[in-house]
PDB file of N, CA and C in Angstrom:
ATOM      1  N   UNK A   1     130.498 110.417  98.181  1.00  0.00           N
ATOM      2  CA  UNK A   1     129.298 110.911  98.830  1.00  0.00           C
ATOM      3  C   UNK A   1     128.139 110.866  97.830  1.00  0.00           C
ATOM      4  N   UNK A   2     127.026 110.415  98.316  1.00  0.00           N
ATOM      5  CA  UNK A   2     125.839 110.298  97.475  1.00  0.00           C
ATOM      6  C   UNK A   2     124.653 110.956  98.155  1.00  0.00           C
ATOM      7  N   UNK A   3     123.654 111.285  97.350  1.00  0.00           N
ATOM      8  CA  UNK A   3     122.424 111.893  97.853  1.00  0.00           C
ATOM      9  C   UNK A   3     121.277 110.910  97.633  1.00  0.00           C
ATOM     10  N   UNK A   4     120.467 110.736  98.662  1.00  0.00           N
ATOM     11  CA  UNK A   4     119.333 109.811  98.607  1.00  0.00           C
ATOM     12  C   UNK A   4     118.071 110.537  99.033  1.00  0.00           C
ATOM     13  N   UNK A   5     116.921 110.024  98.605  1.00  0.00           N
ATOM     14  CA  UNK A   5     115.627 110.595  98.957  1.00  0.00           C
ATOM     15  C   UNK A   5     114.783 109.503  99.608  1.00  0.00           C
ATOM     16  N   UNK A   6     114.160 109.859 100.725  1.00  0.00           N
ATOM     17  CA  UNK A   6     113.256 108.955 101.438  1.00  0.00           C
ATOM     18  C   UNK A   6     111.861 109.560 101.424  1.00  0.00           C
ATOM     19  N   UNK A   7     110.921 108.852 100.862  1.00  0.00           N
ATOM     20  CA  UNK A   7     109.528 109.306 100.828  1.00  0.00           C
ATOM     21  C   UNK A   7     108.809 108.743 102.054  1.00  0.00           C
ATOM     22  N   UNK A   8     108.622 109.595 103.045  1.00  0.00           N
ATOM     23  CA  UNK A   8     107.898 109.210 104.258  1.00  0.00           C
ATOM     24  C   UNK A   8     106.588 109.988 104.354  1.00  0.00           C
ATOM     25  N   UNK A   9     106.102 110.469 103.211  1.00  0.00           N
ATOM     26  CA  UNK A   9     104.852 111.228 103.199  1.00  0.00           C
ATOM     27  C   UNK A   9     103.688 110.310 103.541  1.00  0.00           C
ATOM     28  N   UNK A  10     102.716 110.894 104.216  1.00  0.00           N
ATOM     29  CA  UNK A  10     101.463 110.228 104.610  1.00  0.00           C
ATOM     30  C   UNK A  10     101.660 109.162 105.676  1.00  0.00           C
ATOM     31  N   UNK A  11     102.840 109.123 106.290  1.00  0.00           N
ATOM     32  CA  UNK A  11     103.073 108.239 107.429  1.00  0.00           C
ATOM     33  C   UNK A  11     102.938 109.062 108.701  1.00  0.00           C
ATOM     34  N   UNK A  12     102.367 108.459 109.737  1.00  0.00           N
ATOM     35  CA  UNK A  12     102.202 109.147 111.008  1.00  0.00           C
ATOM     36  C   UNK A  12     103.313 108.765 111.967  1.00  0.00           C
ATOM     37  N   UNK A  13     103.540 109.639 112.940  1.00  0.00           N
ATOM     38  CA  UNK A  13     104.540 109.434 113.984  1.00  0.00           C
ATOM     39  C   UNK A  13     104.306 108.064 114.633  1.00  0.00           C
ATOM     40  N   UNK A  14     105.325 107.303 114.839  1.00  0.00           N
ATOM     41  CA  UNK A  14     106.761 107.589 114.717  1.00  0.00           C
ATOM     42  C   UNK A  14     107.387 107.094 113.410  1.00  0.00           C
ATOM     43  N   UNK A  15     106.587 106.716 112.430  1.00  0.00           N
ATOM     44  CA  UNK A  15     107.115 106.070 111.232  1.00  0.00           C
ATOM     45  C   UNK A  15     108.125 106.913 110.432  1.00  0.00           C
ATOM     46  N   UNK A  16     107.940 108.239 110.265  1.00  0.00           N
ATOM     47  CA  UNK A  16     108.979 108.985 109.536  1.00  0.00           C
ATOM     48  C   UNK A  16     110.357 108.887 110.205  1.00  0.00           C
ATOM     49  N   UNK A  17     110.400 108.914 111.517  1.00  0.00           N
ATOM     50  CA  UNK A  17     111.676 108.796 112.235  1.00  0.00           C
ATOM     51  C   UNK A  17     112.241 107.387 112.098  1.00  0.00           C
ATOM     52  N   UNK A  18     111.399 106.394 112.212  1.00  0.00           N
ATOM     53  CA  UNK A  18     111.860 105.007 112.095  1.00  0.00           C
ATOM     54  C   UNK A  18     112.399 104.741 110.692  1.00  0.00           C
ATOM     55  N   UNK A  19     111.684 105.211 109.675  1.00  0.00           N
ATOM     56  CA  UNK A  19     112.151 105.020 108.296  1.00  0.00           C
ATOM     57  C   UNK A  19     113.468 105.770 108.065  1.00  0.00           C
ATOM     58  N   UNK A  20     113.587 106.972 108.652  1.00  0.00           N
ATOM     59  CA  UNK A  20     114.828 107.744 108.546  1.00  0.00           C
ATOM     60  C   UNK A  20     115.970 106.981 109.209  1.00  0.00           C
ATOM     61  N   UNK A  21     115.736 106.478 110.402  1.00  0.00           N
ATOM     62  CA  UNK A  21     116.754 105.709 111.132  1.00  0.00           C
ATOM     63  C   UNK A  21     117.203 104.503 110.324  1.00  0.00           C
ATOM     64  N   UNK A  22     116.261 103.756 109.771  1.00  0.00           N
ATOM     65  CA  UNK A  22     116.594 102.550 109.013  1.00  0.00           C
ATOM     66  C   UNK A  22     117.382 102.879 107.744  1.00  0.00           C
ATOM     67  N   UNK A  23     117.005 103.950 107.082  1.00  0.00           N
ATOM     68  CA  UNK A  23     117.696 104.317 105.833  1.00  0.00           C
ATOM     69  C   UNK A  23     119.100 104.825 106.124  1.00  0.00           C
ATOM     70  N   UNK A  24     119.254 105.655 107.161  1.00  0.00           N
ATOM     71  CA  UNK A  24     120.579 106.170 107.503  1.00  0.00           C
ATOM     72  C   UNK A  24     121.525 105.036 107.881  1.00  0.00           C
ATOM     73  N   UNK A  25     121.008 103.980 108.489  1.00  0.00           N
ATOM     74  CA  UNK A  25     121.841 102.826 108.855  1.00  0.00           C
ATOM     75  C   UNK A  25     122.471 102.173 107.625  1.00  0.00           C
ATOM     76  N   UNK A  26     121.889 102.368 106.465  1.00  0.00           N
ATOM     77  CA  UNK A  26     122.396 101.775 105.222  1.00  0.00           C
ATOM     78  C   UNK A  26     123.379 102.691 104.487  1.00  0.00           C
ATOM     79  N   UNK A  27     123.521 103.943 104.941  1.00  0.00           N
ATOM     80  CA  UNK A  27     124.323 104.928 104.225  1.00  0.00           C
ATOM     81  C   UNK A  27     125.725 105.056 104.809  1.00  0.00           C
ATOM     82  N   UNK A  28     126.570 105.738 104.061  1.00  0.00           N
ATOM     83  CA  UNK A  28     127.956 105.944 104.453  1.00  0.00           C
ATOM     84  C   UNK A  28     128.142 107.358 105.001  1.00  0.00           C
ATOM     85  N   UNK A  29     129.123 107.579 105.877  1.00  0.00           N
ATOM     86  CA  UNK A  29     129.412 108.942 106.331  1.00  0.00           C
ATOM     87  C   UNK A  29     129.645 109.865 105.139  1.00  0.00           C
ATOM     88  N   UNK A  30     129.054 111.052 105.204  1.00  0.00           N
ATOM     89  CA  UNK A  30     129.155 112.022 104.132  1.00  0.00           C
ATOM     90  C   UNK A  30     127.969 112.000 103.184  1.00  0.00           C
ATOM     91  N   UNK A  31     127.237 110.886 103.139  1.00  0.00           N
ATOM     92  CA  UNK A  31     126.035 110.811 102.311  1.00  0.00           C
ATOM     93  C   UNK A  31     124.980 111.767 102.859  1.00  0.00           C
ATOM     94  N   UNK A  32     124.071 112.202 102.000  1.00  0.00           N
ATOM     95  CA  UNK A  32     122.953 113.022 102.448  1.00  0.00           C
ATOM     96  C   UNK A  32     121.656 112.300 102.149  1.00  0.00           C
ATOM     97  N   UNK A  33     120.688 112.525 103.015  1.00  0.00           N
ATOM     98  CA  UNK A  33     119.364 111.929 102.882  1.00  0.00           C
ATOM     99  C   UNK A  33     118.336 113.037 102.958  1.00  0.00           C
ATOM    100  N   UNK A  34     117.526 113.156 101.926  1.00  0.00           N
ATOM    101  CA  UNK A  34     116.420 114.101 101.903  1.00  0.00           C
ATOM    102  C   UNK A  34     115.164 113.346 102.307  1.00  0.00           C
ATOM    103  N   UNK A  35     114.609 113.701 103.451  1.00  0.00           N
ATOM    104  CA  UNK A  35     113.401 113.051 103.963  1.00  0.00           C
ATOM    105  C   UNK A  35     112.207 113.926 103.604  1.00  0.00           C
ATOM    106  N   UNK A  36     111.249 113.345 102.916  1.00  0.00           N
ATOM    107  CA  UNK A  36     110.011 114.031 102.580  1.00  0.00           C
ATOM    108  C   UNK A  36     108.918 113.463 103.472  1.00  0.00           C
ATOM    109  N   UNK A  37     108.244 114.340 104.212  1.00  0.00           N
ATOM    110  CA  UNK A  37     107.209 113.911 105.155  1.00  0.00           C
ATOM    111  C   UNK A  37     106.036 114.880 105.106  1.00  0.00           C
ATOM    112  N   UNK A  38     104.908 114.439 105.615  1.00  0.00           N
ATOM    113  CA  UNK A  38     103.741 115.309 105.742  1.00  0.00           C
ATOM    114  C   UNK A  38     103.318 115.463 107.199  1.00  0.00           C
ATOM    115  N   UNK A  39     103.798 114.599 108.068  1.00  0.00           N
ATOM    116  CA  UNK A  39     103.466 114.672 109.494  1.00  0.00           C
ATOM    117  C   UNK A  39     104.215 115.837 110.127  1.00  0.00           C
ATOM    118  N   UNK A  40     103.510 116.848 110.657  1.00  0.00           N
ATOM    119  CA  UNK A  40     104.190 118.006 111.251  1.00  0.00           C
ATOM    120  C   UNK A  40     105.151 117.640 112.376  1.00  0.00           C
ATOM    121  N   UNK A  41     104.938 116.522 113.041  1.00  0.00           N
ATOM    122  CA  UNK A  41     105.839 116.086 114.102  1.00  0.00           C
ATOM    123  C   UNK A  41     107.244 115.810 113.605  1.00  0.00           C
ATOM    124  N   UNK A  42     107.371 115.526 112.314  1.00  0.00           N
ATOM    125  CA  UNK A  42     108.692 115.250 111.740  1.00  0.00           C
ATOM    126  C   UNK A  42     109.620 116.457 111.858  1.00  0.00           C
ATOM    127  N   UNK A  43     109.055 117.667 111.859  1.00  0.00           N
ATOM    128  CA  UNK A  43     109.868 118.879 111.998  1.00  0.00           C
ATOM    129  C   UNK A  43     110.650 118.909 113.300  1.00  0.00           C
ATOM    130  N   UNK A  44     110.104 118.306 114.330  1.00  0.00           N
ATOM    131  CA  UNK A  44     110.781 118.238 115.630  1.00  0.00           C
ATOM    132  C   UNK A  44     111.500 116.897 115.797  1.00  0.00           C
ATOM    133  N   UNK A  45     110.814 115.822 115.450  1.00  0.00           N
ATOM    134  CA  UNK A  45     111.311 114.481 115.769  1.00  0.00           C
ATOM    135  C   UNK A  45     112.577 114.093 115.017  1.00  0.00           C
ATOM    136  N   UNK A  46     112.637 114.378 113.720  1.00  0.00           N
ATOM    137  CA  UNK A  46     113.823 113.978 112.949  1.00  0.00           C
ATOM    138  C   UNK A  46     115.053 114.778 113.370  1.00  0.00           C
ATOM    139  N   UNK A  47     114.973 116.117 113.499  1.00  0.00           N
ATOM    140  CA  UNK A  47     116.159 116.836 114.015  1.00  0.00           C
ATOM    141  C   UNK A  47     116.573 116.379 115.417  1.00  0.00           C
ATOM    142  N   UNK A  48     115.615 116.072 116.280  1.00  0.00           N
ATOM    143  CA  UNK A  48     115.958 115.598 117.629  1.00  0.00           C
ATOM    144  C   UNK A  48     116.682 114.262 117.547  1.00  0.00           C
ATOM    145  N   UNK A  49     116.200 113.366 116.709  1.00  0.00           N
ATOM    146  CA  UNK A  49     116.850 112.065 116.534  1.00  0.00           C
ATOM    147  C   UNK A  49     118.270 112.254 116.004  1.00  0.00           C
ATOM    148  N   UNK A  50     118.437 113.179 115.054  1.00  0.00           N
ATOM    149  CA  UNK A  50     119.763 113.438 114.488  1.00  0.00           C
ATOM    150  C   UNK A  50     120.728 113.982 115.540  1.00  0.00           C
ATOM    151  N   UNK A  51     120.259 114.872 116.404  1.00  0.00           N
ATOM    152  CA  UNK A  51     121.121 115.406 117.475  1.00  0.00           C
ATOM    153  C   UNK A  51     121.591 114.283 118.384  1.00  0.00           C
ATOM    154  N   UNK A  52     120.692 113.399 118.751  1.00  0.00           N
ATOM    155  CA  UNK A  52     121.040 112.295 119.655  1.00  0.00           C
ATOM    156  C   UNK A  52     122.058 111.351 119.010  1.00  0.00           C
ATOM    157  N   UNK A  53     121.935 111.139 117.689  1.00  0.00           N
ATOM    158  CA  UNK A  53     122.769 110.154 117.003  1.00  0.00           C
ATOM    159  C   UNK A  53     123.940 110.768 116.236  1.00  0.00           C
ATOM    160  N   UNK A  54     124.106 112.091 116.343  1.00  0.00           N
ATOM    161  CA  UNK A  54     125.290 112.734 115.797  1.00  0.00           C
ATOM    162  C   UNK A  54     125.260 113.045 114.315  1.00  0.00           C
ATOM    163  N   UNK A  55     124.087 113.126 113.716  1.00  0.00           N
ATOM    164  CA  UNK A  55     123.984 113.487 112.304  1.00  0.00           C
ATOM    165  C   UNK A  55     123.659 114.973 112.182  1.00  0.00           C
ATOM    166  N   UNK A  56     123.934 115.546 111.019  1.00  0.00           N
ATOM    167  CA  UNK A  56     123.802 116.982 110.824  1.00  0.00           C
ATOM    168  C   UNK A  56     122.579 117.310 109.962  1.00  0.00           C
ATOM    169  N   UNK A  57     121.770 118.239 110.436  1.00  0.00           N
ATOM    170  CA  UNK A  57     120.649 118.740 109.649  1.00  0.00           C
ATOM    171  C   UNK A  57     121.176 119.841 108.739  1.00  0.00           C
ATOM    172  N   UNK A  58     121.051 119.662 107.438  1.00  0.00           N
ATOM    173  CA  UNK A  58     121.510 120.667 106.481  1.00  0.00           C
ATOM    174  C   UNK A  58     120.418 121.657 106.126  1.00  0.00           C
ATOM    175  N   UNK A  59     119.168 121.179 106.100  1.00  0.00           N
ATOM    176  CA  UNK A  59     118.065 122.043 105.693  1.00  0.00           C
ATOM    177  C   UNK A  59     116.751 121.469 106.201  1.00  0.00           C
ATOM    178  N   UNK A  60     115.876 122.370 106.598  1.00  0.00           N
ATOM    179  CA  UNK A  60     114.499 122.025 106.942  1.00  0.00           C
ATOM    180  C   UNK A  60     113.611 123.054 106.260  1.00  0.00           C
ATOM    181  N   UNK A  61     112.670 122.585 105.454  1.00  0.00           N
ATOM    182  CA  UNK A  61     111.793 123.525 104.758  1.00  0.00           C
ATOM    183  C   UNK A  61     110.435 122.885 104.494  1.00  0.00           C
ATOM    184  N   UNK A  62     109.488 123.749 104.214  1.00  0.00           N
ATOM    185  CA  UNK A  62     108.162 123.301 103.793  1.00  0.00           C
ATOM    186  C   UNK A  62     108.036 123.530 102.303  1.00  0.00           C
ATOM    187  N   UNK A  63     107.457 122.566 101.627  1.00  0.00           N
ATOM    188  CA  UNK A  63     107.210 122.662 100.195  1.00  0.00           C
ATOM    189  C   UNK A  63     105.742 122.308  99.992  1.00  0.00           C
ATOM    190  N   UNK A  64     104.884 123.317 100.094  1.00  0.00           N
ATOM    191  CA  UNK A  64     103.444 123.062 100.078  1.00  0.00           C
ATOM    192  C   UNK A  64     103.060 122.340 101.355  1.00  0.00           C
ATOM    193  N   UNK A  65     102.425 121.190 101.235  1.00  0.00           N
ATOM    194  CA  UNK A  65     102.065 120.380 102.403  1.00  0.00           C
ATOM    195  C   UNK A  65     103.200 119.481 102.866  1.00  0.00           C
ATOM    196  N   UNK A  66     104.247 119.401 102.062  1.00  0.00           N
ATOM    197  CA  UNK A  66     105.364 118.514 102.388  1.00  0.00           C
ATOM    198  C   UNK A  66     106.386 119.227 103.268  1.00  0.00           C
ATOM    199  N   UNK A  67     106.998 118.457 104.106  1.00  0.00           N
ATOM    200  CA  UNK A  67     108.127 118.893 104.929  1.00  0.00           C
ATOM    201  C   UNK A  67     109.347 118.192 104.343  1.00  0.00           C
ATOM    202  N   UNK A  68     110.402 118.948 104.103  1.00  0.00           N
ATOM    203  CA  UNK A  68     111.620 118.369 103.534  1.00  0.00           C
ATOM    204  C   UNK A  68     112.764 118.635 104.511  1.00  0.00           C
ATOM    205  N   UNK A  69     113.400 117.566 104.951  1.00  0.00           N
ATOM    206  CA  UNK A  69     114.509 117.662 105.893  1.00  0.00           C
ATOM    207  C   UNK A  69     115.701 116.951 105.265  1.00  0.00           C
ATOM    208  N   UNK A  70     116.806 117.680 105.126  1.00  0.00           N
ATOM    209  CA  UNK A  70     118.011 117.092 104.536  1.00  0.00           C
ATOM    210  C   UNK A  70     119.034 116.858 105.643  1.00  0.00           C
ATOM    211  N   UNK A  71     119.524 115.618 105.706  1.00  0.00           N
ATOM    212  CA  UNK A  71     120.428 115.172 106.771  1.00  0.00           C
ATOM    213  C   UNK A  71     121.740 114.729 106.151  1.00  0.00           C
ATOM    214  N   UNK A  72     122.859 115.137 106.769  1.00  0.00           N
ATOM    215  CA  UNK A  72     124.165 114.590 106.385  1.00  0.00           C
ATOM    216  C   UNK A  72     124.534 113.507 107.390  1.00  0.00           C
ATOM    217  N   UNK A  73     124.869 112.334 106.892  1.00  0.00           N
ATOM    218  CA  UNK A  73     125.278 111.216 107.740  1.00  0.00           C
ATOM    219  C   UNK A  73     126.687 111.481 108.232  1.00  0.00           C
ATOM    220  N   UNK A  74     126.872 111.451 109.553  1.00  0.00           N
ATOM    221  CA  UNK A  74     128.167 111.733 110.140  1.00  0.00           C
ATOM    222  C   UNK A  74     128.872 110.441 110.563  1.00  0.00           C
ATOM    223  N   UNK A  75     128.164 109.552 111.191  1.00  0.00           N
ATOM    224  CA  UNK A  75     128.828 108.329 111.658  1.00  0.00           C
ATOM    225  C   UNK A  75     128.083 107.102 111.230  1.00  0.00           C
TER     226      UNK A  75
END
């Protein structure tokens, strides 16, 4: 299992979700991906995408202006 970071800051919807989708497609089950975004829509869109595709949200937090969402790849 490995941990990866995706910088999706300063991208507008739907790009943070698309970049998350593309990066997760390259990862293995059990890997984690920390998505850094600034678009407030990412707080809803990335967890919704993960629910649909069966991935697990480990953490969602704000760090100043940044939104940090950590996802565990399930399948």
